[in-house]
N, C-alpha and C. Protein backbone atom coordinates (compact mmCIF):
# COMPACT_ATOMS: atom_id res chain seq x y z
N UNK A 1 -14.89 25.89 31.82
CA UNK A 1 -14.56 24.88 30.84
C UNK A 1 -14.37 23.54 31.57
N UNK A 2 -14.87 22.47 30.97
CA UNK A 2 -14.75 21.16 31.60
C UNK A 2 -13.47 20.47 31.15
N UNK A 3 -13.19 19.37 31.81
CA UNK A 3 -12.00 18.59 31.45
C UNK A 3 -12.09 18.10 30.02
N UNK A 4 -13.29 17.73 29.58
CA UNK A 4 -13.47 17.26 28.20
C UNK A 4 -13.13 18.37 27.22
N UNK A 5 -13.56 19.58 27.52
CA UNK A 5 -13.23 20.71 26.65
C UNK A 5 -11.73 20.95 26.59
N UNK A 6 -11.06 20.81 27.73
CA UNK A 6 -9.60 20.98 27.77
C UNK A 6 -8.91 19.92 26.91
N UNK A 7 -9.39 18.69 27.01
CA UNK A 7 -8.80 17.61 26.21
C UNK A 7 -9.04 17.85 24.73
N UNK A 8 -10.22 18.31 24.40
CA UNK A 8 -10.55 18.59 23.00
C UNK A 8 -9.66 19.70 22.45
N UNK A 9 -9.51 20.78 23.22
CA UNK A 9 -8.66 21.89 22.81
C UNK A 9 -7.22 21.43 22.64
N UNK A 10 -6.74 20.65 23.59
CA UNK A 10 -5.37 20.14 23.51
C UNK A 10 -5.18 19.23 22.29
N UNK A 11 -6.18 18.40 22.02
CA UNK A 11 -6.11 17.53 20.85
C UNK A 11 -6.06 18.31 19.55
N UNK A 12 -6.86 19.37 19.47
CA UNK A 12 -6.87 20.20 18.27
C UNK A 12 -5.52 20.90 18.11
N UNK A 13 -4.94 21.38 19.21
CA UNK A 13 -3.63 22.03 19.13
C UNK A 13 -2.56 21.06 18.62
N UNK A 14 -2.61 19.81 19.08
CA UNK A 14 -1.65 18.81 18.61
C UNK A 14 -1.84 18.53 17.12
N UNK A 15 -3.09 18.44 16.69
CA UNK A 15 -3.36 18.21 15.27
C UNK A 15 -2.87 19.38 14.42
N UNK A 16 -3.07 20.60 14.90
CA UNK A 16 -2.59 21.76 14.16
C UNK A 16 -1.07 21.74 14.05
N UNK A 17 -0.40 21.42 15.15
CA UNK A 17 1.07 21.36 15.12
C UNK A 17 1.54 20.28 14.17
N UNK A 18 0.87 19.12 14.19
CA UNK A 18 1.25 18.03 13.28
C UNK A 18 1.02 18.43 11.83
N UNK A 19 -0.08 19.11 11.56
CA UNK A 19 -0.36 19.55 10.19
C UNK A 19 0.71 20.53 9.71
N UNK A 20 1.12 21.45 10.59
CA UNK A 20 2.17 22.40 10.21
C UNK A 20 3.50 21.69 9.95
N UNK A 21 3.81 20.65 10.71
CA UNK A 21 5.02 19.86 10.48
C UNK A 21 4.95 19.14 9.14
N UNK A 22 3.79 18.59 8.80
CA UNK A 22 3.62 17.91 7.52
C UNK A 22 3.79 18.90 6.36
N UNK A 23 3.27 20.10 6.52
CA UNK A 23 3.43 21.12 5.49
C UNK A 23 4.90 21.48 5.32
N UNK A 24 5.63 21.62 6.44
CA UNK A 24 7.06 21.94 6.37
C UNK A 24 7.83 20.80 5.69
N UNK A 25 7.47 19.56 5.99
CA UNK A 25 8.13 18.42 5.36
C UNK A 25 7.85 18.40 3.86
N UNK A 26 6.62 18.67 3.48
CA UNK A 26 6.26 18.70 2.06
C UNK A 26 7.04 19.80 1.34
N UNK A 27 7.20 20.95 1.98
CA UNK A 27 7.98 22.04 1.37
C UNK A 27 9.42 21.61 1.13
N UNK A 28 9.99 20.90 2.10
CA UNK A 28 11.37 20.43 1.96
C UNK A 28 11.50 19.50 0.76
N UNK A 29 10.55 18.56 0.62
CA UNK A 29 10.61 17.64 -0.51
C UNK A 29 10.37 18.36 -1.82
N UNK A 30 9.50 19.35 -1.83
CA UNK A 30 9.29 20.12 -3.05
C UNK A 30 10.55 20.91 -3.43
N UNK A 31 11.26 21.43 -2.43
CA UNK A 31 12.52 22.12 -2.70
C UNK A 31 13.53 21.16 -3.32
N UNK A 32 13.60 19.93 -2.80
CA UNK A 32 14.49 18.92 -3.38
C UNK A 32 14.11 18.60 -4.82
N UNK A 33 12.81 18.45 -5.05
CA UNK A 33 12.34 18.15 -6.41
C UNK A 33 12.67 19.30 -7.36
N UNK A 34 12.50 20.52 -6.90
CA UNK A 34 12.81 21.68 -7.74
C UNK A 34 14.31 21.72 -8.06
N UNK A 35 15.14 21.46 -7.06
CA UNK A 35 16.59 21.43 -7.29
C UNK A 35 16.97 20.34 -8.28
N UNK A 36 16.29 19.18 -8.19
CA UNK A 36 16.58 18.07 -9.10
C UNK A 36 16.23 18.43 -10.53
N UNK A 37 15.16 19.18 -10.71
CA UNK A 37 14.76 19.60 -12.05
C UNK A 37 15.73 20.64 -12.60
N UNK A 38 16.14 21.56 -11.73
CA UNK A 38 17.04 22.62 -12.17
C UNK A 38 18.47 22.12 -12.38
N UNK A 39 18.92 21.18 -11.57
CA UNK A 39 20.30 20.69 -11.63
C UNK A 39 20.31 19.16 -11.65
N UNK A 40 19.88 18.52 -12.75
CA UNK A 40 19.81 17.06 -12.78
C UNK A 40 21.17 16.38 -12.59
N UNK A 41 22.25 17.05 -12.96
CA UNK A 41 23.58 16.44 -12.79
C UNK A 41 23.89 16.24 -11.31
N UNK A 42 23.47 17.17 -10.48
CA UNK A 42 23.67 17.02 -9.03
C UNK A 42 22.90 15.82 -8.50
N UNK A 43 21.66 15.65 -8.98
CA UNK A 43 20.85 14.51 -8.54
C UNK A 43 21.48 13.20 -9.00
N UNK A 44 21.97 13.16 -10.24
CA UNK A 44 22.61 11.94 -10.75
C UNK A 44 23.83 11.59 -9.91
N UNK A 45 24.63 12.58 -9.58
CA UNK A 45 25.83 12.33 -8.77
C UNK A 45 25.44 11.79 -7.39
N UNK A 46 24.39 12.36 -6.80
CA UNK A 46 23.94 11.91 -5.49
C UNK A 46 23.43 10.47 -5.57
N UNK A 47 22.64 10.16 -6.60
CA UNK A 47 22.10 8.80 -6.76
C UNK A 47 23.23 7.80 -6.98
N UNK A 48 24.21 8.15 -7.81
CA UNK A 48 25.34 7.24 -8.05
C UNK A 48 26.14 7.01 -6.77
N UNK A 49 26.34 8.06 -5.98
CA UNK A 49 27.07 7.91 -4.71
C UNK A 49 26.29 7.02 -3.75
N UNK A 50 24.99 7.21 -3.68
CA UNK A 50 24.16 6.38 -2.79
C UNK A 50 24.17 4.93 -3.25
N UNK A 51 24.10 4.71 -4.57
CA UNK A 51 24.12 3.34 -5.10
C UNK A 51 25.46 2.68 -4.82
N UNK A 52 26.54 3.44 -4.93
CA UNK A 52 27.86 2.88 -4.66
C UNK A 52 27.98 2.46 -3.20
N UNK A 53 27.46 3.29 -2.29
CA UNK A 53 27.50 2.94 -0.87
C UNK A 53 26.66 1.72 -0.57
N UNK A 54 25.55 1.59 -1.27
CA UNK A 54 24.64 0.47 -1.03
C UNK A 54 25.04 -0.77 -1.83
N UNK A 55 25.98 -0.63 -2.74
CA UNK A 55 26.39 -1.75 -3.57
C UNK A 55 25.36 -2.08 -4.63
N UNK A 56 24.56 -1.10 -5.01
CA UNK A 56 23.49 -1.31 -5.99
C UNK A 56 23.99 -1.26 -7.41
N UNK A 57 23.04 -1.33 -8.36
CA UNK A 57 23.39 -1.38 -9.78
C UNK A 57 24.22 -0.21 -10.26
N UNK A 58 24.06 0.95 -9.69
CA UNK A 58 24.84 2.10 -10.11
C UNK A 58 26.31 1.96 -9.73
N UNK A 59 26.62 1.02 -8.85
CA UNK A 59 27.99 0.90 -8.34
C UNK A 59 28.90 0.17 -9.32
N UNK A 60 28.38 -0.82 -10.02
CA UNK A 60 29.27 -1.60 -10.86
C UNK A 60 28.66 -2.04 -12.16
N UNK A 61 27.87 -1.22 -12.75
CA UNK A 61 27.30 -1.55 -14.05
C UNK A 61 26.18 -2.57 -13.98
N UNK A 62 25.62 -2.80 -12.80
CA UNK A 62 24.48 -3.70 -12.68
C UNK A 62 24.85 -5.15 -12.53
N UNK A 63 26.13 -5.47 -12.37
CA UNK A 63 26.55 -6.85 -12.20
C UNK A 63 27.29 -7.02 -10.88
N UNK A 64 27.04 -8.12 -10.20
CA UNK A 64 27.78 -8.39 -8.97
C UNK A 64 29.26 -8.59 -9.27
N UNK A 65 30.07 -8.65 -8.23
CA UNK A 65 31.52 -8.76 -8.39
C UNK A 65 31.93 -10.02 -9.16
N UNK A 66 31.12 -11.08 -9.11
CA UNK A 66 31.49 -12.32 -9.80
C UNK A 66 31.22 -12.25 -11.30
N UNK A 67 30.68 -11.13 -11.79
CA UNK A 67 30.47 -10.95 -13.21
C UNK A 67 29.17 -11.57 -13.73
N UNK A 68 28.45 -12.29 -12.89
CA UNK A 68 27.18 -12.88 -13.32
C UNK A 68 26.13 -11.78 -13.42
N UNK A 69 25.17 -11.97 -14.33
CA UNK A 69 24.11 -10.97 -14.42
C UNK A 69 23.31 -10.92 -13.11
N UNK A 70 22.79 -9.74 -12.78
CA UNK A 70 22.03 -9.59 -11.55
C UNK A 70 20.68 -10.29 -11.59
N UNK A 71 20.17 -10.54 -12.80
CA UNK A 71 18.88 -11.21 -12.95
C UNK A 71 19.08 -12.40 -13.86
N UNK A 72 18.60 -13.54 -13.42
CA UNK A 72 18.71 -14.74 -14.25
C UNK A 72 17.37 -14.97 -14.92
N UNK A 73 17.39 -15.08 -16.24
CA UNK A 73 16.17 -15.33 -17.00
C UNK A 73 16.00 -16.82 -17.16
N UNK A 74 14.83 -17.31 -16.79
CA UNK A 74 14.52 -18.72 -16.89
C UNK A 74 13.33 -18.86 -17.81
N UNK A 75 13.50 -19.67 -18.86
CA UNK A 75 12.38 -19.90 -19.79
C UNK A 75 11.34 -20.83 -19.15
N UNK A 76 10.11 -20.45 -19.30
CA UNK A 76 9.02 -21.28 -18.80
C UNK A 76 8.13 -21.60 -19.99
N UNK A 77 7.87 -22.91 -20.18
CA UNK A 77 7.04 -23.25 -21.33
C UNK A 77 5.68 -23.72 -20.89
């Protein structure tokens, strides 16, 4: 076997390993999606907790602390 053949074989092995990792990652996300469908209340609680940590709309009814709306509508004529 030549050096080129060794490099080719090694490259294919790396691609196979990467493909298997992508499949495992996809399975994990599909498991999350399945759990979200089966238990939507759990997903809502998680989203609200994440929004609260990030200070997003779920944290305070969609308004910043100063009470102003988060989006200002400007009429354009």
